[in-house]
Amino acid sequence: MGAVNLAALDELQAASERKQYLDAQAADLMEAVDTLDQAIRKIDHETRERLQATYDTVNGYFKELFPSIFGGGHAELVLTGDEILDAGVQLIAQPPGKRNNSIHLLSGGEKALTALALVFSLFRLNPAPFCLLDEVDAPLDDANTERYCELVKKMSEHTQFMFITHNKITMEMAEQLVGVTMPESGVSRIVAVDVDVAMKMQEQAVA
């Protein structure tokens, strides 16, 4: 049978200890995997709830603001999939008298007002104390500009708006006007007008 290995018992004990160590490491890894799976499921669950709540809130604001801007019509956000974490969002907008199926069929002014309604819907979700609008009324006609101004007036109860515009209708809405002129080539000059003070001066002049 050959020579007797007198170190076999020691080798067996070392191998057994090594196996116990590896088994403990494997158990720790399986526990860590289980913990990660639970954390992922918890995060996915909370993310779905928060995303669904945000989607529902913004969609509600959008359905409310769109008719107020257009004087009627219907608009909404629609999920394009069953799983909200993987789904896209489709925007459906139908101004009064139109039954279009795509936002691409809207005119430039209608697209601008629709985008404005969506932006303000997102803004109402977590409003900031200030909002800067840069010539958002440029593609609008007079009627749509007046609707835009009414919306800004309504939202200005909680937010201070600063807007850049060349539209006289929008300027009439402002409480403070700051103009930039160029009396000399390459030299800009700031001209500020307090509308309330200007109105009082006009009233005094008429009286």
Foldseek 3Di string as FASTA:
>chain_A
DDDDDPCPVVVVVVVVVVVVVVVVVVVVVVVVVVVVVVVVVVVLVVVQVVLVVLQVQLQVQLQVLQCLLLVDWGKGWDWPDDRPVPTDIAIDTAHPPGDDGHPVPDDPQSNLSSVVSSVVSNCVVPPDQEDEAEASCVVPDPSSVVSVLVVCVVVVVRHHYDYHHPDPVNVVSDQKDWDWDDPDVPDIDIDIDGPVVVVVVVVVVVD
